[in-house]
Amino acid sequence: MTTAIATGRRAAVPARAVVVPLCVILAVVLAGLMIRATPAVTAGDIALIRAIEGARAPFLDAVALTDGVLFSPVAALTIVGAIGAGLWLRRGIGAAVSFAALALLPWLGSSVVKDIVRRPRPLPAELPHHVLTDTGYSFPSGHTSLAVALGLALLLTFGAGRLRTPLLVLAVAAPLVTAFSRVYLGVHHPTDVLASLVYATAAVLLVDALLRLVRNWWSARAVAVG
């Protein structure tokens, strides 16, 4: 009986843990639709990209291009797969699946948001000093969303001890560097990457809350069966 009560307490996940991030995600989608329909916002974005391009330097080129590779789909899947495999061996399949869900579901969700908003990317003709040309829709940035999700997934999974501070720094620095690099390379508008920071943070929190609900439901079921 005591075990069942304790499990019930652990199973309590506040409704706001799901509702708030879901509302934030919906707000980001609505903001994207409004931004796409407002040429003045895009004009301001282009002006800011041009100003950032004015700071071009070989070192910044290298950082931005390297960051683009690190948070590309292939590299991301490789990183998540390697960490997930290690977690599987050390903590079991549940920990591996949870980490992969935290890191990848928000990123996959950003593609859904892109298909809803359908905002065009900055045109190379508008950016005389652009570094890179990319395809697909622009809002939000998938690279930035992935950087946020991976950083927070690492923090939530491994950040309970001495690794907390360095992982917290990584979870903040990696998305900011990636957001800057995507604008610097001319493949995203500033509002795209800003939306990505908000969207992906909310998406990770939503996935984390849903995972806790599933884990606690499974624990309660196991206790009831036992």
Protein backbone atom coordinates (compact mmCIF):
# COMPACT_ATOMS: atom_id res chain seq x y z
CA MET A 1 0.00 0.00 0.00
CA THR A 2 2.78 2.41 0.91
CA THR A 3 4.57 1.63 -2.34
CA ALA A 4 1.40 2.27 -4.33
CA ILE A 5 0.86 5.63 -2.64
CA ALA A 6 4.47 6.65 -3.26
CA THR A 7 4.18 5.60 -6.90
CA GLY A 8 0.98 7.61 -7.24
CA ARG A 9 2.75 10.67 -5.92
CA ARG A 10 5.60 10.20 -8.39
CA ALA A 11 3.04 9.86 -11.18
CA ALA A 12 1.65 13.34 -10.57
CA VAL A 13 2.75 15.53 -13.48
CA PRO A 14 1.10 18.96 -13.38
CA ALA A 15 -1.19 19.68 -16.31
CA ARG A 16 0.69 22.93 -16.91
CA ALA A 17 3.81 20.88 -17.69
CA VAL A 18 2.03 19.79 -20.86
CA VAL A 19 -0.32 22.71 -21.52
CA VAL A 20 2.17 25.56 -21.24
CA PRO A 21 4.80 24.26 -23.71
CA LEU A 22 2.03 23.15 -26.09
CA CYS A 23 0.57 26.67 -26.04
CA VAL A 24 4.03 28.14 -26.67
CA ILE A 25 4.49 25.86 -29.69
CA LEU A 26 1.12 26.89 -31.08
CA ALA A 27 2.02 30.55 -30.50
CA VAL A 28 5.26 30.07 -32.45
CA VAL A 29 3.30 28.57 -35.36
CA LEU A 30 0.86 31.48 -35.36
CA ALA A 31 3.76 33.94 -35.16
CA GLY A 32 5.38 32.25 -38.15
CA LEU A 33 2.21 32.58 -40.21
CA MET A 34 1.96 36.25 -39.29
CA ILE A 35 5.63 36.87 -40.10
CA ARG A 36 5.30 35.19 -43.49
CA ALA A 37 2.35 37.47 -44.27
CA THR A 38 4.21 40.63 -43.19
CA PRO A 39 6.78 41.79 -45.79
CA ALA A 40 8.09 44.48 -43.44
CA VAL A 41 9.37 41.83 -41.04
CA THR A 42 11.22 40.02 -43.82
CA ALA A 43 12.68 43.31 -45.02
CA GLY A 44 13.99 43.98 -41.53
CA ASP A 45 15.40 40.45 -41.37
CA ILE A 46 17.25 40.92 -44.65
CA ALA A 47 18.70 44.23 -43.48
CA LEU A 48 19.98 42.55 -40.30
CA ILE A 49 21.49 39.64 -42.25
CA ARG A 50 23.35 42.11 -44.46
CA ALA A 51 24.70 43.86 -41.39
CA ILE A 52 25.86 40.55 -39.91
CA GLU A 53 27.44 39.59 -43.24
CA GLY A 54 29.51 42.74 -42.95
CA ALA A 55 31.44 41.01 -40.14
CA ARG A 56 32.60 38.19 -42.41
CA ALA A 57 35.98 36.74 -41.53
CA PRO A 58 37.72 33.42 -42.27
CA PHE A 59 37.47 32.38 -38.63
CA LEU A 60 33.71 33.07 -38.49
CA ASP A 61 33.25 31.28 -41.81
CA ALA A 62 34.98 28.21 -40.38
CA VAL A 63 32.98 28.28 -37.14
CA ALA A 64 29.66 28.70 -38.94
CA LEU A 65 30.34 26.00 -41.52
CA THR A 66 31.62 23.56 -38.88
CA ASP A 67 28.57 24.22 -36.73
CA GLY A 68 26.38 23.55 -39.75
CA VAL A 69 27.97 20.14 -40.18
CA LEU A 70 27.79 19.24 -36.47
CA PHE A 71 24.05 19.90 -36.34
CA SER A 72 23.22 18.45 -39.73
CA PRO A 73 20.82 15.48 -39.79
CA VAL A 74 23.51 12.87 -40.50
CA ALA A 75 25.86 14.10 -37.78
CA ALA A 76 23.01 14.53 -35.31
CA LEU A 77 21.72 11.01 -35.86
CA THR A 78 25.27 9.69 -35.43
CA ILE A 79 25.78 11.59 -32.16
CA VAL A 80 22.38 10.65 -30.75
CA GLY A 81 22.86 7.04 -31.83
CA ALA A 82 26.26 6.78 -30.16
CA ILE A 83 25.07 8.36 -26.90
CA GLY A 84 21.89 6.29 -26.99
CA ALA A 85 23.89 3.09 -27.43
CA GLY A 86 26.03 3.97 -24.43
CA LEU A 87 22.95 4.70 -22.35
CA TRP A 88 21.40 1.41 -23.39
CA LEU A 89 24.44 -0.48 -22.16
CA ARG A 90 24.71 1.43 -18.88
CA ARG A 91 21.15 2.31 -17.92
CA GLY A 92 18.91 0.21 -20.13
CA ILE A 93 16.76 0.74 -23.17
CA GLY A 94 14.36 3.09 -21.39
CA ALA A 95 17.07 5.68 -20.78
CA ALA A 96 18.27 5.38 -24.37
CA VAL A 97 14.79 5.85 -25.80
CA SER A 98 14.10 8.81 -23.52
CA PHE A 99 17.32 10.54 -24.57
CA ALA A 100 16.63 9.94 -28.24
CA ALA A 101 13.08 11.26 -27.87
CA LEU A 102 14.26 14.43 -26.13
CA ALA A 103 16.93 15.07 -28.74
CA LEU A 104 15.10 14.11 -31.93
CA LEU A 105 11.35 14.67 -31.53
CA PRO A 106 11.64 18.48 -31.20
CA TRP A 107 13.88 18.52 -34.27
CA LEU A 108 11.43 16.38 -36.26
CA GLY A 109 8.63 18.64 -35.05
CA SER A 110 10.43 21.66 -36.49
CA SER A 111 9.97 20.13 -39.95
CA VAL A 112 6.23 19.91 -39.31
CA VAL A 113 6.17 23.58 -38.31
CA LYS A 114 8.13 24.45 -41.47
CA ASP A 115 5.53 22.71 -43.62
CA ILE A 116 2.74 24.59 -41.86
CA VAL A 117 4.33 28.04 -42.06
CA ARG A 118 6.04 27.58 -45.46
CA ARG A 119 8.21 30.67 -45.21
CA PRO A 120 10.75 31.02 -48.04
CA ARG A 121 14.43 31.21 -47.18
CA PRO A 122 16.42 34.41 -47.76
CA LEU A 123 17.18 34.79 -51.46
CA PRO A 124 20.88 34.73 -52.39
CA ALA A 125 20.23 37.64 -54.75
CA GLU A 126 19.30 39.75 -51.72
CA LEU A 127 22.50 38.84 -49.89
CA PRO A 128 25.57 39.68 -51.97
CA HIS A 129 27.96 38.24 -49.37
CA HIS A 130 26.06 35.10 -48.45
CA VAL A 131 28.24 32.10 -47.58
CA LEU A 132 25.89 29.19 -48.19
CA THR A 133 22.75 28.35 -50.16
CA ASP A 134 20.18 25.94 -48.74
CA THR A 135 16.82 24.58 -49.83
CA GLY A 136 13.48 24.02 -48.15
CA TYR A 137 11.46 26.30 -45.94
CA SER A 138 12.96 28.71 -43.46
CA PHE A 139 10.78 28.95 -40.33
CA PRO A 140 11.96 27.66 -37.88
CA SER A 141 15.62 26.68 -38.25
CA GLY A 142 16.07 22.92 -38.02
CA HIS A 143 19.77 23.23 -37.13
CA THR A 144 19.00 25.62 -34.27
CA SER A 145 16.12 23.46 -33.05
CA LEU A 146 18.43 20.45 -33.04
CA ALA A 147 21.13 22.32 -31.12
CA VAL A 148 18.59 23.31 -28.46
CA ALA A 149 17.10 19.83 -28.23
CA LEU A 150 20.44 18.02 -28.08
CA GLY A 151 21.87 20.41 -25.50
CA LEU A 152 18.82 20.14 -23.25
CA ALA A 153 18.63 16.36 -23.73
CA LEU A 154 22.23 16.06 -22.52
CA LEU A 155 21.52 18.36 -19.58
CA LEU A 156 18.37 16.50 -18.54
CA THR A 157 20.02 13.09 -18.92
CA PHE A 158 23.51 13.67 -17.50
CA GLY A 159 23.25 16.95 -15.60
CA ALA A 160 22.59 15.67 -12.09
CA GLY A 161 26.20 15.76 -10.83
CA ARG A 162 29.51 17.41 -11.64
CA LEU A 163 28.62 17.61 -15.32
CA ARG A 164 25.72 19.95 -14.63
CA THR A 165 27.64 23.23 -15.04
CA PRO A 166 29.52 22.34 -18.25
CA LEU A 167 26.37 20.83 -19.75
CA LEU A 168 24.39 23.93 -18.81
CA VAL A 169 26.99 26.08 -20.57
CA LEU A 170 26.80 23.78 -23.60
CA ALA A 171 22.99 23.86 -23.61
CA VAL A 172 23.10 27.66 -23.77
CA ALA A 173 26.15 28.23 -25.97
CA ALA A 174 25.52 25.65 -28.71
CA PRO A 175 22.07 26.97 -29.70
CA LEU A 176 23.27 30.59 -29.65
CA VAL A 177 26.29 29.79 -31.82
CA THR A 178 24.10 27.79 -34.18
CA ALA A 179 21.47 30.52 -34.37
CA PHE A 180 24.14 33.09 -35.23
CA SER A 181 25.77 30.78 -37.78
CA ARG A 182 22.52 30.14 -39.66
CA VAL A 183 21.95 33.86 -40.04
CA TYR A 184 25.61 34.53 -40.78
CA LEU A 185 25.54 31.91 -43.55
CA GLY A 186 22.49 33.57 -45.04
CA VAL A 187 20.24 30.49 -44.91
CA HIS A 188 17.82 31.74 -42.24
CA HIS A 189 16.19 34.98 -41.18
CA PRO A 190 16.91 36.24 -37.65
CA THR A 191 13.25 35.70 -36.74
CA ASP A 192 13.59 32.07 -37.87
CA VAL A 193 16.34 31.30 -35.40
CA LEU A 194 14.71 33.31 -32.61
CA ALA A 195 11.54 31.28 -33.10
CA SER A 196 13.62 28.10 -33.08
CA LEU A 197 15.09 28.90 -29.67
CA VAL A 198 11.60 29.36 -28.23
CA TYR A 199 9.96 26.49 -30.10
CA ALA A 200 12.63 23.88 -29.39
CA THR A 201 12.84 24.73 -25.69
CA ALA A 202 9.07 24.34 -25.38
CA ALA A 203 9.16 21.14 -27.44
CA VAL A 204 11.81 19.57 -25.19
CA LEU A 205 9.80 20.48 -22.10
CA LEU A 206 6.69 18.99 -23.69
CA VAL A 207 8.47 15.75 -24.61
CA ASP A 208 10.00 15.56 -21.12
CA ALA A 209 6.58 15.94 -19.50
CA LEU A 210 5.07 13.29 -21.75
CA LEU A 211 7.95 10.92 -21.01
CA ARG A 212 7.43 11.41 -17.29
CA LEU A 213 3.73 10.64 -17.71
CA VAL A 214 4.55 7.46 -19.61
CA ARG A 215 7.21 6.35 -17.11
CA ASN A 216 4.97 7.01 -14.13
CA TRP A 217 2.02 5.28 -15.79
CA TRP A 218 4.24 2.27 -16.46
CA SER A 219 5.48 2.23 -12.84
CA ALA A 220 1.93 2.47 -11.48
CA ARG A 221 0.85 -0.34 -13.81
CA ALA A 222 3.76 -2.52 -12.66
CA VAL A 223 2.84 -1.93 -8.99
CA ALA A 224 -0.81 -2.70 -9.67
CA VAL A 225 0.06 -5.92 -11.50
CA GLY A 226 2.58 -6.89 -8.82
